[in-house]
C-alpha cells in the first residue's frame, strides 16, 4: 500500500490521505471543490464540479494513472436539484469515457460545499 500525496489537490484536513494505491487500484478520498493554489472553495455547482474532478484527476495522475483509468465515482450532492448542472460538467469532463457512478443527496457536505467527489481507478 502506498499513500498518494500531491500539491495539485487540496491537502488532507483530517486523519486521511488524499489517496491510496494498493495493488492495481487507486482510491481517492472525497474531493471538495477547493482550488489547491488559491484555497478558494467554489460554491457554484458547475465550477465546483469541475474543480472537484480536477482534484480527483490530480491524485490519480500522481499515482501513475489518468482520468481514463477511473472506473467508479461516488458523488455526494448537498442538493439533488443540482444534479442536472453537475451531470453536464461531469459528462464534458469524461467525454466518451463513462465510469460507473453513484450520485446522491446527503444531509450536508463539509465546509458548506455543494458537492464532494471520490473515485476508484485501476492501473
PDB file of N, CA and C in Angstrom:
ATOM      1  N   UNK A   1       0.850  -1.188   0.000  1.00  0.00           N
ATOM      2  CA  UNK A   1       0.000   0.000   0.000  1.00  0.00           C
ATOM      3  C   UNK A   1       0.887   1.241   0.000  1.00  0.00           C
ATOM      4  N   UNK A   2       0.473   2.221  -0.808  1.00  0.00           N
ATOM      5  CA  UNK A   2       1.234   3.468  -0.926  1.00  0.00           C
ATOM      6  C   UNK A   2       0.292   4.647  -0.733  1.00  0.00           C
ATOM      7  N   UNK A   3       0.706   5.601   0.098  1.00  0.00           N
ATOM      8  CA  UNK A   3      -0.069   6.822   0.304  1.00  0.00           C
ATOM      9  C   UNK A   3       0.243   7.779  -0.842  1.00  0.00           C
ATOM     10  N   UNK A   4      -0.790   8.330  -1.451  1.00  0.00           N
ATOM     11  CA  UNK A   4      -0.633   9.268  -2.561  1.00  0.00           C
ATOM     12  C   UNK A   4      -0.829  10.680  -2.019  1.00  0.00           C
ATOM     13  N   UNK A   5       0.124  11.550  -2.358  1.00  0.00           N
ATOM     14  CA  UNK A   5       0.068  12.940  -1.904  1.00  0.00           C
ATOM     15  C   UNK A   5       0.560  13.836  -3.027  1.00  0.00           C
ATOM     16  N   UNK A   6      -0.214  14.888  -3.320  1.00  0.00           N
ATOM     17  CA  UNK A   6       0.179  15.847  -4.352  1.00  0.00           C
ATOM     18  C   UNK A   6      -0.236  17.250  -3.932  1.00  0.00           C
ATOM     19  N   UNK A   7       0.554  18.229  -4.328  1.00  0.00           N
ATOM     20  CA  UNK A   7       0.178  19.631  -4.059  1.00  0.00           C
ATOM     21  C   UNK A   7      -0.763  20.159  -5.142  1.00  0.00           C
ATOM     22  N   UNK A   8      -1.124  19.301  -6.106  1.00  0.00           N
ATOM     23  CA  UNK A   8      -2.053  19.703  -7.167  1.00  0.00           C
ATOM     24  C   UNK A   8      -3.504  19.422  -6.796  1.00  0.00           C
ATOM     25  N   UNK A   9      -3.718  18.968  -5.569  1.00  0.00           N
ATOM     26  CA  UNK A   9      -5.050  18.777  -4.996  1.00  0.00           C
ATOM     27  C   UNK A   9      -4.978  19.315  -3.562  1.00  0.00           C
ATOM     28  N   UNK A  10      -6.115  19.686  -2.990  1.00  0.00           N
ATOM     29  CA  UNK A  10      -6.094  20.216  -1.625  1.00  0.00           C
ATOM     30  C   UNK A  10      -5.499  19.201  -0.644  1.00  0.00           C
ATOM     31  N   UNK A  11      -4.748  19.705   0.310  1.00  0.00           N
ATOM     32  CA  UNK A  11      -4.163  18.851   1.340  1.00  0.00           C
ATOM     33  C   UNK A  11      -5.274  18.263   2.208  1.00  0.00           C
ATOM     34  N   UNK A  12      -5.026  17.091   2.738  1.00  0.00           N
ATOM     35  CA  UNK A  12      -5.974  16.473   3.655  1.00  0.00           C
ATOM     36  C   UNK A  12      -6.106  17.361   4.891  1.00  0.00           C
ATOM     37  N   UNK A  13      -7.323  17.540   5.357  1.00  0.00           N
ATOM     38  CA  UNK A  13      -7.567  18.401   6.523  1.00  0.00           C
ATOM     39  C   UNK A  13      -7.922  17.577   7.757  1.00  0.00           C
ATOM     40  N   UNK A  14      -7.734  16.289   7.671  1.00  0.00           N
ATOM     41  CA  UNK A  14      -8.041  15.417   8.795  1.00  0.00           C
ATOM     42  C   UNK A  14      -7.166  14.186   8.760  1.00  0.00           C
ATOM     43  N   UNK A  15      -7.621  13.155   9.448  1.00  0.00           N
ATOM     44  CA  UNK A  15      -6.861  11.919   9.573  1.00  0.00           C
ATOM     45  C   UNK A  15      -7.142  11.007   8.379  1.00  0.00           C
ATOM     46  N   UNK A  16      -6.743  11.446   7.203  1.00  0.00           N
ATOM     47  CA  UNK A  16      -6.916  10.653   5.992  1.00  0.00           C
ATOM     48  C   UNK A  16      -5.875  11.074   4.968  1.00  0.00           C
ATOM     49  N   UNK A  17      -5.725  10.264   3.939  1.00  0.00           N
ATOM     50  CA  UNK A  17      -4.795  10.546   2.840  1.00  0.00           C
ATOM     51  C   UNK A  17      -5.586  11.045   1.642  1.00  0.00           C
ATOM     52  N   UNK A  18      -4.936  11.803   0.766  1.00  0.00           N
ATOM     53  CA  UNK A  18      -5.587  12.210  -0.478  1.00  0.00           C
ATOM     54  C   UNK A  18      -5.969  10.984  -1.288  1.00  0.00           C
ATOM     55  N   UNK A  19      -5.110   9.991  -1.251  1.00  0.00           N
ATOM     56  CA  UNK A  19      -5.377   8.771  -1.985  1.00  0.00           C
ATOM     57  C   UNK A  19      -4.518   7.630  -1.485  1.00  0.00           C
ATOM     58  N   UNK A  20      -4.921   6.432  -1.848  1.00  0.00           N
ATOM     59  CA  UNK A  20      -4.172   5.216  -1.513  1.00  0.00           C
ATOM     60  C   UNK A  20      -4.060   4.380  -2.776  1.00  0.00           C
ATOM     61  N   UNK A  21      -2.860   3.901  -3.027  1.00  0.00           N
ATOM     62  CA  UNK A  21      -2.618   2.976  -4.136  1.00  0.00           C
ATOM     63  C   UNK A  21      -2.330   1.614  -3.511  1.00  0.00           C
ATOM     64  N   UNK A  22      -3.113   0.625  -3.898  1.00  0.00           N
ATOM     65  CA  UNK A  22      -2.912  -0.717  -3.379  1.00  0.00           C
ATOM     66  C   UNK A  22      -3.164  -1.703  -4.510  1.00  0.00           C
ATOM     67  N   UNK A  23      -2.211  -2.566  -4.735  1.00  0.00           N
ATOM     68  CA  UNK A  23      -2.309  -3.470  -5.879  1.00  0.00           C
ATOM     69  C   UNK A  23      -2.432  -2.655  -7.156  1.00  0.00           C
ATOM     70  N   UNK A  24      -3.431  -2.954  -7.959  1.00  0.00           N
ATOM     71  CA  UNK A  24      -3.652  -2.221  -9.210  1.00  0.00           C
ATOM     72  C   UNK A  24      -4.728  -1.151  -9.081  1.00  0.00           C
ATOM     73  N   UNK A  25      -5.055  -0.775  -7.849  1.00  0.00           N
ATOM     74  CA  UNK A  25      -6.135   0.184  -7.644  1.00  0.00           C
ATOM     75  C   UNK A  25      -5.668   1.451  -6.931  1.00  0.00           C
ATOM     76  N   UNK A  26      -6.343   2.530  -7.274  1.00  0.00           N
ATOM     77  CA  UNK A  26      -6.145   3.828  -6.621  1.00  0.00           C
ATOM     78  C   UNK A  26      -7.503   4.234  -6.056  1.00  0.00           C
ATOM     79  N   UNK A  27      -7.522   4.584  -4.784  1.00  0.00           N
ATOM     80  CA  UNK A  27      -8.739   5.058  -4.122  1.00  0.00           C
ATOM     81  C   UNK A  27      -8.492   6.496  -3.694  1.00  0.00           C
ATOM     82  N   UNK A  28      -9.301   7.422  -4.174  1.00  0.00           N
ATOM     83  CA  UNK A  28      -9.145   8.803  -3.723  1.00  0.00           C
ATOM     84  C   UNK A  28     -10.102   9.068  -2.568  1.00  0.00           C
ATOM     85  N   UNK A  29      -9.696   9.938  -1.683  1.00  0.00           N
ATOM     86  CA  UNK A  29     -10.620  10.443  -0.673  1.00  0.00           C
ATOM     87  C   UNK A  29     -11.552  11.418  -1.366  1.00  0.00           C
ATOM     88  N   UNK A  30     -12.660  11.721  -0.736  1.00  0.00           N
ATOM     89  CA  UNK A  30     -13.591  12.688  -1.294  1.00  0.00           C
ATOM     90  C   UNK A  30     -12.912  14.026  -1.511  1.00  0.00           C
ATOM     91  N   UNK A  31     -13.135  14.605  -2.672  1.00  0.00           N
ATOM     92  CA  UNK A  31     -12.502  15.873  -3.014  1.00  0.00           C
ATOM     93  C   UNK A  31     -13.539  16.982  -3.046  1.00  0.00           C
ATOM     94  N   UNK A  32     -13.325  17.960  -2.169  1.00  0.00           N
ATOM     95  CA  UNK A  32     -14.155  19.155  -2.166  1.00  0.00           C
ATOM     96  C   UNK A  32     -13.726  20.055  -3.318  1.00  0.00           C
ATOM     97  N   UNK A  33     -14.560  20.987  -3.700  1.00  0.00           N
ATOM     98  CA  UNK A  33     -14.216  21.898  -4.802  1.00  0.00           C
ATOM     99  C   UNK A  33     -13.329  23.054  -4.334  1.00  0.00           C
ATOM    100  N   UNK A  34     -12.156  22.703  -3.840  1.00  0.00           N
ATOM    101  CA  UNK A  34     -11.196  23.693  -3.359  1.00  0.00           C
ATOM    102  C   UNK A  34     -10.049  23.778  -4.348  1.00  0.00           C
ATOM    103  N   UNK A  35      -9.753  24.991  -4.798  1.00  0.00           N
ATOM    104  CA  UNK A  35      -8.612  25.215  -5.677  1.00  0.00           C
ATOM    105  C   UNK A  35      -7.348  25.066  -4.830  1.00  0.00           C
ATOM    106  N   UNK A  36      -6.451  24.133  -5.157  1.00  0.00           N
ATOM    107  CA  UNK A  36      -5.277  23.912  -4.322  1.00  0.00           C
ATOM    108  C   UNK A  36      -4.296  25.081  -4.301  1.00  0.00           C
ATOM    109  N   UNK A  37      -4.332  25.925  -5.314  1.00  0.00           N
ATOM    110  CA  UNK A  37      -3.414  27.073  -5.354  1.00  0.00           C
ATOM    111  C   UNK A  37      -3.951  28.255  -4.562  1.00  0.00           C
ATOM    112  N   UNK A  38      -5.223  28.585  -4.772  1.00  0.00           N
ATOM    113  CA  UNK A  38      -5.796  29.781  -4.138  1.00  0.00           C
ATOM    114  C   UNK A  38      -6.525  29.473  -2.838  1.00  0.00           C
ATOM    115  N   UNK A  39      -6.811  28.187  -2.595  1.00  0.00           N
ATOM    116  CA  UNK A  39      -7.588  27.719  -1.428  1.00  0.00           C
ATOM    117  C   UNK A  39      -9.053  28.154  -1.490  1.00  0.00           C
ATOM    118  N   UNK A  40      -9.493  28.661  -2.645  1.00  0.00           N
ATOM    119  CA  UNK A  40     -10.880  29.096  -2.802  1.00  0.00           C
ATOM    120  C   UNK A  40     -11.796  27.877  -2.875  1.00  0.00           C
ATOM    121  N   UNK A  41     -12.906  27.946  -2.153  1.00  0.00           N
ATOM    122  CA  UNK A  41     -13.947  26.915  -2.194  1.00  0.00           C
ATOM    123  C   UNK A  41     -15.022  27.403  -3.143  1.00  0.00           C
ATOM    124  N   UNK A  42     -15.229  26.669  -4.238  1.00  0.00           N
ATOM    125  CA  UNK A  42     -16.222  27.072  -5.222  1.00  0.00           C
ATOM    126  C   UNK A  42     -17.612  26.658  -4.756  1.00  0.00           C
ATOM    127  N   UNK A  43     -18.568  27.575  -4.837  1.00  0.00           N
ATOM    128  CA  UNK A  43     -19.948  27.325  -4.421  1.00  0.00           C
ATOM    129  C   UNK A  43     -20.877  27.105  -5.611  1.00  0.00           C
ATOM    130  N   UNK A  44     -20.560  27.702  -6.766  1.00  0.00           N
ATOM    131  CA  UNK A  44     -21.360  27.481  -7.970  1.00  0.00           C
ATOM    132  C   UNK A  44     -21.204  26.017  -8.376  1.00  0.00           C
ATOM    133  N   UNK A  45     -22.302  25.318  -8.589  1.00  0.00           N
ATOM    134  CA  UNK A  45     -22.254  23.877  -8.823  1.00  0.00           C
ATOM    135  C   UNK A  45     -21.403  23.499 -10.032  1.00  0.00           C
ATOM    136  N   UNK A  46     -21.453  24.281 -11.090  1.00  0.00           N
ATOM    137  CA  UNK A  46     -20.653  23.948 -12.276  1.00  0.00           C
ATOM    138  C   UNK A  46     -19.160  24.123 -12.005  1.00  0.00           C
ATOM    139  N   UNK A  47     -18.781  25.245 -11.411  1.00  0.00           N
ATOM    140  CA  UNK A  47     -17.369  25.459 -11.058  1.00  0.00           C
ATOM    141  C   UNK A  47     -16.913  24.422 -10.036  1.00  0.00           C
ATOM    142  N   UNK A  48     -17.793  24.122  -9.077  1.00  0.00           N
ATOM    143  CA  UNK A  48     -17.466  23.171  -8.025  1.00  0.00           C
ATOM    144  C   UNK A  48     -17.237  21.775  -8.595  1.00  0.00           C
ATOM    145  N   UNK A  49     -18.088  21.361  -9.501  1.00  0.00           N
ATOM    146  CA  UNK A  49     -17.950  20.043 -10.117  1.00  0.00           C
ATOM    147  C   UNK A  49     -16.621  19.946 -10.845  1.00  0.00           C
ATOM    148  N   UNK A  50     -16.320  20.939 -11.645  1.00  0.00           N
ATOM    149  CA  UNK A  50     -15.067  20.934 -12.414  1.00  0.00           C
ATOM    150  C   UNK A  50     -13.858  20.856 -11.484  1.00  0.00           C
ATOM    151  N   UNK A  51     -13.859  21.669 -10.406  1.00  0.00           N
ATOM    152  CA  UNK A  51     -12.712  21.688  -9.503  1.00  0.00           C
ATOM    153  C   UNK A  51     -12.565  20.367  -8.760  1.00  0.00           C
ATOM    154  N   UNK A  52     -13.664  19.799  -8.283  1.00  0.00           N
ATOM    155  CA  UNK A  52     -13.573  18.512  -7.590  1.00  0.00           C
ATOM    156  C   UNK A  52     -13.033  17.431  -8.525  1.00  0.00           C
ATOM    157  N   UNK A  53     -13.484  17.435  -9.770  1.00  0.00           N
ATOM    158  CA  UNK A  53     -12.985  16.460 -10.737  1.00  0.00           C
ATOM    159  C   UNK A  53     -11.505  16.676 -11.050  1.00  0.00           C
ATOM    160  N   UNK A  54     -11.086  17.927 -11.152  1.00  0.00           N
ATOM    161  CA  UNK A  54      -9.655  18.209 -11.368  1.00  0.00           C
ATOM    162  C   UNK A  54      -8.823  17.730 -10.189  1.00  0.00           C
ATOM    163  N   UNK A  55      -9.356  17.867  -8.984  1.00  0.00           N
ATOM    164  CA  UNK A  55      -8.645  17.398  -7.796  1.00  0.00           C
ATOM    165  C   UNK A  55      -8.515  15.879  -7.806  1.00  0.00           C
ATOM    166  N   UNK A  56      -9.601  15.186  -8.148  1.00  0.00           N
ATOM    167  CA  UNK A  56      -9.559  13.725  -8.270  1.00  0.00           C
ATOM    168  C   UNK A  56      -8.529  13.332  -9.324  1.00  0.00           C
ATOM    169  N   UNK A  57      -8.576  13.999 -10.467  1.00  0.00           N
ATOM    170  CA  UNK A  57      -7.640  13.689 -11.559  1.00  0.00           C
ATOM    171  C   UNK A  57      -6.192  13.882 -11.123  1.00  0.00           C
ATOM    172  N   UNK A  58      -5.902  14.933 -10.365  1.00  0.00           N
ATOM    173  CA  UNK A  58      -4.531  15.201  -9.912  1.00  0.00           C
ATOM    174  C   UNK A  58      -4.008  14.062  -9.027  1.00  0.00           C
ATOM    175  N   UNK A  59      -4.859  13.542  -8.178  1.00  0.00           N
ATOM    176  CA  UNK A  59      -4.458  12.439  -7.300  1.00  0.00           C
ATOM    177  C   UNK A  59      -4.218  11.174  -8.112  1.00  0.00           C
ATOM    178  N   UNK A  60      -5.113  10.890  -9.041  1.00  0.00           N
ATOM    179  CA  UNK A  60      -4.970   9.714  -9.896  1.00  0.00           C
ATOM    180  C   UNK A  60      -3.690   9.816 -10.730  1.00  0.00           C
ATOM    181  N   UNK A  61      -3.416  11.002 -11.257  1.00  0.00           N
ATOM    182  CA  UNK A  61      -2.184  11.204 -12.043  1.00  0.00           C
ATOM    183  C   UNK A  61      -0.946  11.007 -11.180  1.00  0.00           C
ATOM    184  N   UNK A  62      -0.979  11.522  -9.963  1.00  0.00           N
ATOM    185  CA  UNK A  62       0.167  11.365  -9.056  1.00  0.00           C
ATOM    186  C   UNK A  62       0.459   9.882  -8.810  1.00  0.00           C
ATOM    187  N   UNK A  63      -0.562   9.061  -8.859  1.00  0.00           N
ATOM    188  CA  UNK A  63      -0.405   7.624  -8.635  1.00  0.00           C
ATOM    189  C   UNK A  63      -0.011   6.875  -9.905  1.00  0.00           C
ATOM    190  N   UNK A  64       0.100   7.594 -11.031  1.00  0.00           N
ATOM    191  CA  UNK A  64       0.567   6.975 -12.264  1.00  0.00           C
ATOM    192  C   UNK A  64      -0.509   6.587 -13.254  1.00  0.00           C
ATOM    193  N   UNK A  65      -1.703   7.115 -13.083  1.00  0.00           N
ATOM    194  CA  UNK A  65      -2.800   6.777 -13.990  1.00  0.00           C
ATOM    195  C   UNK A  65      -3.364   8.071 -14.599  1.00  0.00           C
ATOM    196  N   UNK A  66      -4.507   7.963 -15.255  1.00  0.00           N
ATOM    197  CA  UNK A  66      -5.165   9.125 -15.850  1.00  0.00           C
ATOM    198  C   UNK A  66      -6.659   9.022 -15.585  1.00  0.00           C
ATOM    199  N   UNK A  67      -7.395  10.048 -15.965  1.00  0.00           N
ATOM    200  CA  UNK A  67      -8.839  10.005 -15.729  1.00  0.00           C
ATOM    201  C   UNK A  67      -9.505   8.874 -16.502  1.00  0.00           C
ATOM    202  N   UNK A  68      -8.889   8.422 -17.584  1.00  0.00           N
ATOM    203  CA  UNK A  68      -9.424   7.296 -18.341  1.00  0.00           C
ATOM    204  C   UNK A  68      -9.309   5.982 -17.570  1.00  0.00           C
ATOM    205  N   UNK A  69      -8.503   5.966 -16.519  1.00  0.00           N
ATOM    206  CA  UNK A  69      -8.363   4.778 -15.669  1.00  0.00           C
ATOM    207  C   UNK A  69      -9.401   4.743 -14.544  1.00  0.00           C
ATOM    208  N   UNK A  70     -10.172   5.814 -14.398  1.00  0.00           N
ATOM    209  CA  UNK A  70     -11.183   5.853 -13.340  1.00  0.00           C
ATOM    210  C   UNK A  70     -12.311   4.908 -13.708  1.00  0.00           C
ATOM    211  N   UNK A  71     -12.627   4.002 -12.772  1.00  0.00           N
ATOM    212  CA  UNK A  71     -13.666   3.009 -13.029  1.00  0.00           C
ATOM    213  C   UNK A  71     -14.955   3.286 -12.256  1.00  0.00           C
ATOM    214  N   UNK A  72     -14.882   4.109 -11.207  1.00  0.00           N
ATOM    215  CA  UNK A  72     -16.063   4.373 -10.385  1.00  0.00           C
ATOM    216  C   UNK A  72     -15.916   5.710  -9.683  1.00  0.00           C
ATOM    217  N   UNK A  73     -16.983   6.493  -9.705  1.00  0.00           N
ATOM    218  CA  UNK A  73     -17.043   7.749  -8.944  1.00  0.00           C
ATOM    219  C   UNK A  73     -18.248   7.694  -8.017  1.00  0.00           C
ATOM    220  N   UNK A  74     -18.086   8.259  -6.853  1.00  0.00           N
ATOM    221  CA  UNK A  74     -19.199   8.466  -5.939  1.00  0.00           C
ATOM    222  C   UNK A  74     -19.307   9.962  -5.713  1.00  0.00           C
ATOM    223  N   UNK A  75     -20.517  10.483  -5.889  1.00  0.00           N
ATOM    224  CA  UNK A  75     -20.759  11.916  -5.815  1.00  0.00           C
ATOM    225  C   UNK A  75     -21.757  12.196  -4.696  1.00  0.00           C
ATOM    226  N   UNK A  76     -21.364  13.081  -3.798  1.00  0.00           N
ATOM    227  CA  UNK A  76     -22.208  13.485  -2.687  1.00  0.00           C
ATOM    228  C   UNK A  76     -22.680  14.912  -2.963  1.00  0.00           C
ATOM    229  N   UNK A  77     -23.955  15.082  -3.242  1.00  0.00           N
ATOM    230  CA  UNK A  77     -24.524  16.394  -3.556  1.00  0.00           C
ATOM    231  C   UNK A  77     -25.210  16.976  -2.324  1.00  0.00           C
ATOM    232  N   UNK A  78     -24.989  18.250  -2.067  1.00  0.00           N
ATOM    233  CA  UNK A  78     -25.702  18.923  -0.987  1.00  0.00           C
ATOM    234  C   UNK A  78     -27.171  19.112  -1.365  1.00  0.00           C
ATOM    235  N   UNK A  79     -27.442  19.251  -2.665  1.00  0.00           N
ATOM    236  CA  UNK A  79     -28.810  19.468  -3.149  1.00  0.00           C
ATOM    237  C   UNK A  79     -28.996  18.691  -4.449  1.00  0.00           C
ATOM    238  N   UNK A  80     -29.856  17.689  -4.425  1.00  0.00           N
ATOM    239  CA  UNK A  80     -30.079  16.863  -5.617  1.00  0.00           C
ATOM    240  C   UNK A  80     -30.642  17.681  -6.777  1.00  0.00           C
ATOM    241  N   UNK A  81     -31.179  18.848  -6.505  1.00  0.00           N
ATOM    242  CA  UNK A  81     -31.655  19.721  -7.581  1.00  0.00           C
ATOM    243  C   UNK A  81     -30.507  20.249  -8.435  1.00  0.00           C
ATOM    244  N   UNK A  82     -29.260  20.100  -7.961  1.00  0.00           N
ATOM    245  CA  UNK A  82     -28.079  20.491  -8.737  1.00  0.00           C
ATOM    246  C   UNK A  82     -27.629  19.378  -9.687  1.00  0.00           C
ATOM    247  N   UNK A  83     -28.333  18.249  -9.678  1.00  0.00           N
ATOM    248  CA  UNK A  83     -27.881  17.088 -10.446  1.00  0.00           C
ATOM    249  C   UNK A  83     -27.691  17.393 -11.928  1.00  0.00           C
ATOM    250  N   UNK A  84     -28.640  18.061 -12.544  1.00  0.00           N
ATOM    251  CA  UNK A  84     -28.549  18.317 -13.991  1.00  0.00           C
ATOM    252  C   UNK A  84     -27.310  19.141 -14.340  1.00  0.00           C
ATOM    253  N   UNK A  85     -27.070  20.208 -13.585  1.00  0.00           N
ATOM    254  CA  UNK A  85     -25.892  21.056 -13.840  1.00  0.00           C
ATOM    255  C   UNK A  85     -24.605  20.284 -13.566  1.00  0.00           C
ATOM    256  N   UNK A  86     -24.584  19.533 -12.467  1.00  0.00           N
ATOM    257  CA  UNK A  86     -23.421  18.695 -12.152  1.00  0.00           C
ATOM    258  C   UNK A  86     -23.166  17.699 -13.287  1.00  0.00           C
ATOM    259  N   UNK A  87     -24.211  17.012 -13.716  1.00  0.00           N
ATOM    260  CA  UNK A  87     -24.081  15.965 -14.723  1.00  0.00           C
ATOM    261  C   UNK A  87     -23.550  16.509 -16.050  1.00  0.00           C
ATOM    262  N   UNK A  88     -23.944  17.712 -16.416  1.00  0.00           N
ATOM    263  CA  UNK A  88     -23.457  18.312 -17.670  1.00  0.00           C
ATOM    264  C   UNK A  88     -21.938  18.512 -17.621  1.00  0.00           C
ATOM    265  N   UNK A  89     -21.431  19.011 -16.501  1.00  0.00           N
ATOM    266  CA  UNK A  89     -19.983  19.229 -16.360  1.00  0.00           C
ATOM    267  C   UNK A  89     -19.256  17.886 -16.295  1.00  0.00           C
ATOM    268  N   UNK A  90     -19.812  16.952 -15.550  1.00  0.00           N
ATOM    269  CA  UNK A  90     -19.232  15.616 -15.407  1.00  0.00           C
ATOM    270  C   UNK A  90     -19.104  14.943 -16.778  1.00  0.00           C
ATOM    271  N   UNK A  91     -20.180  15.013 -17.567  1.00  0.00           N
ATOM    272  CA  UNK A  91     -20.174  14.408 -18.897  1.00  0.00           C
ATOM    273  C   UNK A  91     -19.129  15.046 -19.797  1.00  0.00           C
ATOM    274  N   UNK A  92     -19.007  16.363 -19.740  1.00  0.00           N
ATOM    275  CA  UNK A  92     -17.995  17.066 -20.545  1.00  0.00           C
ATOM    276  C   UNK A  92     -16.586  16.667 -20.106  1.00  0.00           C
ATOM    277  N   UNK A  93     -16.367  16.551 -18.810  1.00  0.00           N
ATOM    278  CA  UNK A  93     -15.049  16.214 -18.266  1.00  0.00           C
ATOM    279  C   UNK A  93     -14.598  14.835 -18.739  1.00  0.00           C
ATOM    280  N   UNK A  94     -15.476  13.843 -18.674  1.00  0.00           N
ATOM    281  CA  UNK A  94     -15.099  12.478 -19.019  1.00  0.00           C
ATOM    282  C   UNK A  94     -15.265  12.153 -20.496  1.00  0.00           C
ATOM    283  N   UNK A  95     -16.066  12.915 -21.218  1.00  0.00           N
ATOM    284  CA  UNK A  95     -16.243  12.649 -22.643  1.00  0.00           C
ATOM    285  C   UNK A  95     -16.792  11.255 -22.887  1.00  0.00           C
ATOM    286  N   UNK A  96     -16.133  10.504 -23.781  1.00  0.00           N
ATOM    287  CA  UNK A  96     -16.595   9.164 -24.134  1.00  0.00           C
ATOM    288  C   UNK A  96     -16.333   8.131 -23.049  1.00  0.00           C
ATOM    289  N   UNK A  97     -15.434   8.441 -22.124  1.00  0.00           N
ATOM    290  CA  UNK A  97     -15.154   7.524 -21.005  1.00  0.00           C
ATOM    291  C   UNK A  97     -16.270   7.683 -19.974  1.00  0.00           C
ATOM    292  N   UNK A  98     -16.904   6.607 -19.618  1.00  0.00           N
ATOM    293  CA  UNK A  98     -18.052   6.675 -18.716  1.00  0.00           C
ATOM    294  C   UNK A  98     -17.860   5.714 -17.541  1.00  0.00           C
ATOM    295  N   UNK A  99     -17.179   6.172 -16.480  1.00  0.00           N
ATOM    296  CA  UNK A  99     -17.019   5.313 -15.308  1.00  0.00           C
ATOM    297  C   UNK A  99     -18.376   4.995 -14.679  1.00  0.00           C
ATOM    298  N   UNK A 100     -18.445   3.895 -13.954  1.00  0.00           N
ATOM    299  CA  UNK A 100     -19.623   3.629 -13.134  1.00  0.00           C
ATOM    300  C   UNK A 100     -19.737   4.790 -12.137  1.00  0.00           C
ATOM    301  N   UNK A 101     -20.975   5.073 -11.699  1.00  0.00           N
ATOM    302  CA  UNK A 101     -21.143   6.242 -10.820  1.00  0.00           C
ATOM    303  C   UNK A 101     -22.360   6.070  -9.930  1.00  0.00           C
ATOM    304  N   UNK A 102     -22.232   6.582  -8.730  1.00  0.00           N
ATOM    305  CA  UNK A 102     -23.362   6.763  -7.821  1.00  0.00           C
ATOM    306  C   UNK A 102     -23.390   8.234  -7.463  1.00  0.00           C
ATOM    307  N   UNK A 103     -24.586   8.808  -7.406  1.00  0.00           N
ATOM    308  CA  UNK A 103     -24.724  10.218  -7.022  1.00  0.00           C
ATOM    309  C   UNK A 103     -25.977  10.337  -6.179  1.00  0.00           C
ATOM    310  N   UNK A 104     -25.834  10.974  -5.035  1.00  0.00           N
ATOM    311  CA  UNK A 104     -26.993  11.126  -4.175  1.00  0.00           C
ATOM    312  C   UNK A 104     -26.862  12.346  -3.284  1.00  0.00           C
ATOM    313  N   UNK A 105     -27.984  12.799  -2.777  1.00  0.00           N
ATOM    314  CA  UNK A 105     -28.022  13.946  -1.875  1.00  0.00           C
ATOM    315  C   UNK A 105     -27.690  13.471  -0.465  1.00  0.00           C
ATOM    316  N   UNK A 106     -26.875  14.255   0.225  1.00  0.00           N
ATOM    317  CA  UNK A 106     -26.523  13.973   1.616  1.00  0.00           C
ATOM    318  C   UNK A 106     -27.021  15.115   2.491  1.00  0.00           C
ATOM    319  N   UNK A 107     -27.026  14.908   3.786  1.00  0.00           N
ATOM    320  CA  UNK A 107     -27.512  15.940   4.706  1.00  0.00           C
ATOM    321  C   UNK A 107     -26.710  17.221   4.620  1.00  0.00           C
ATOM    322  N   UNK A 108     -25.410  17.104   4.454  1.00  0.00           N
ATOM    323  CA  UNK A 108     -24.529  18.265   4.327  1.00  0.00           C
ATOM    324  C   UNK A 108     -23.186  17.775   3.808  1.00  0.00           C
ATOM    325  N   UNK A 109     -22.454  18.677   3.170  1.00  0.00           N
ATOM    326  CA  UNK A 109     -21.107  18.404   2.697  1.00  0.00           C
ATOM    327  C   UNK A 109     -20.171  19.282   3.520  1.00  0.00           C
ATOM    328  N   UNK A 110     -18.981  18.795   3.910  1.00  0.00           N
ATOM    329  CA  UNK A 110     -18.060  19.613   4.703  1.00  0.00           C
ATOM    330  C   UNK A 110     -17.811  20.995   4.091  1.00  0.00           C
ATOM    331  N   UNK A 111     -17.620  21.951   4.972  1.00  0.00           N
ATOM    332  CA  UNK A 111     -17.309  23.346   4.613  1.00  0.00           C
ATOM    333  C   UNK A 111     -18.429  24.025   3.836  1.00  0.00           C
ATOM    334  N   UNK A 112     -19.626  23.436   3.824  1.00  0.00           N
ATOM    335  CA  UNK A 112     -20.743  24.030   3.100  1.00  0.00           C
ATOM    336  C   UNK A 112     -20.609  23.927   1.595  1.00  0.00           C
ATOM    337  N   UNK A 113     -19.764  23.007   1.130  1.00  0.00           N
ATOM    338  CA  UNK A 113     -19.556  22.828  -0.313  1.00  0.00           C
ATOM    339  C   UNK A 113     -20.812  22.240  -0.953  1.00  0.00           C
ATOM    340  N   UNK A 114     -21.012  22.509  -2.244  1.00  0.00           N
ATOM    341  CA  UNK A 114     -22.181  21.953  -2.925  1.00  0.00           C
ATOM    342  C   UNK A 114     -22.056  20.463  -3.270  1.00  0.00           C
ATOM    343  N   UNK A 115     -20.810  19.935  -3.278  1.00  0.00           N
ATOM    344  CA  UNK A 115     -20.620  18.524  -3.570  1.00  0.00           C
ATOM    345  C   UNK A 115     -19.241  18.081  -3.157  1.00  0.00           C
ATOM    346  N   UNK A 116     -19.065  16.778  -3.149  1.00  0.00           N
ATOM    347  CA  UNK A 116     -17.771  16.132  -2.905  1.00  0.00           C
ATOM    348  C   UNK A 116     -17.738  14.912  -3.815  1.00  0.00           C
ATOM    349  N   UNK A 117     -16.565  14.633  -4.403  1.00  0.00           N
ATOM    350  CA  UNK A 117     -16.452  13.515  -5.348  1.00  0.00           C
ATOM    351  C   UNK A 117     -15.251  12.659  -4.958  1.00  0.00           C
ATOM    352  N   UNK A 118     -15.465  11.330  -4.925  1.00  0.00           N
ATOM    353  CA  UNK A 118     -14.375  10.390  -4.727  1.00  0.00           C
ATOM    354  C   UNK A 118     -14.355   9.417  -5.889  1.00  0.00           C
ATOM    355  N   UNK A 119     -13.208   8.747  -6.071  1.00  0.00           N
ATOM    356  CA  UNK A 119     -13.085   7.859  -7.227  1.00  0.00           C
ATOM    357  C   UNK A 119     -12.230   6.655  -6.922  1.00  0.00           C
ATOM    358  N   UNK A 120     -12.424   5.632  -7.750  1.00  0.00           N
ATOM    359  CA  UNK A 120     -11.577   4.446  -7.762  1.00  0.00           C
ATOM    360  C   UNK A 120     -11.048   4.320  -9.189  1.00  0.00           C
ATOM    361  N   UNK A 121      -9.738   4.121  -9.312  1.00  0.00           N
ATOM    362  CA  UNK A 121      -9.120   3.953 -10.633  1.00  0.00           C
ATOM    363  C   UNK A 121      -8.317   2.650 -10.637  1.00  0.00           C
ATOM    364  N   UNK A 122      -8.135   2.100 -11.828  1.00  0.00           N
ATOM    365  CA  UNK A 122      -7.338   0.885 -11.974  1.00  0.00           C
ATOM    366  C   UNK A 122      -6.147   1.184 -12.861  1.00  0.00           C
ATOM    367  N   UNK A 123      -4.996   0.713 -12.434  1.00  0.00           N
ATOM    368  CA  UNK A 123      -3.776   0.899 -13.229  1.00  0.00           C
ATOM    369  C   UNK A 123      -3.723  -0.090 -14.361  1.00  0.00           C
TER     370      UNK A 123
END
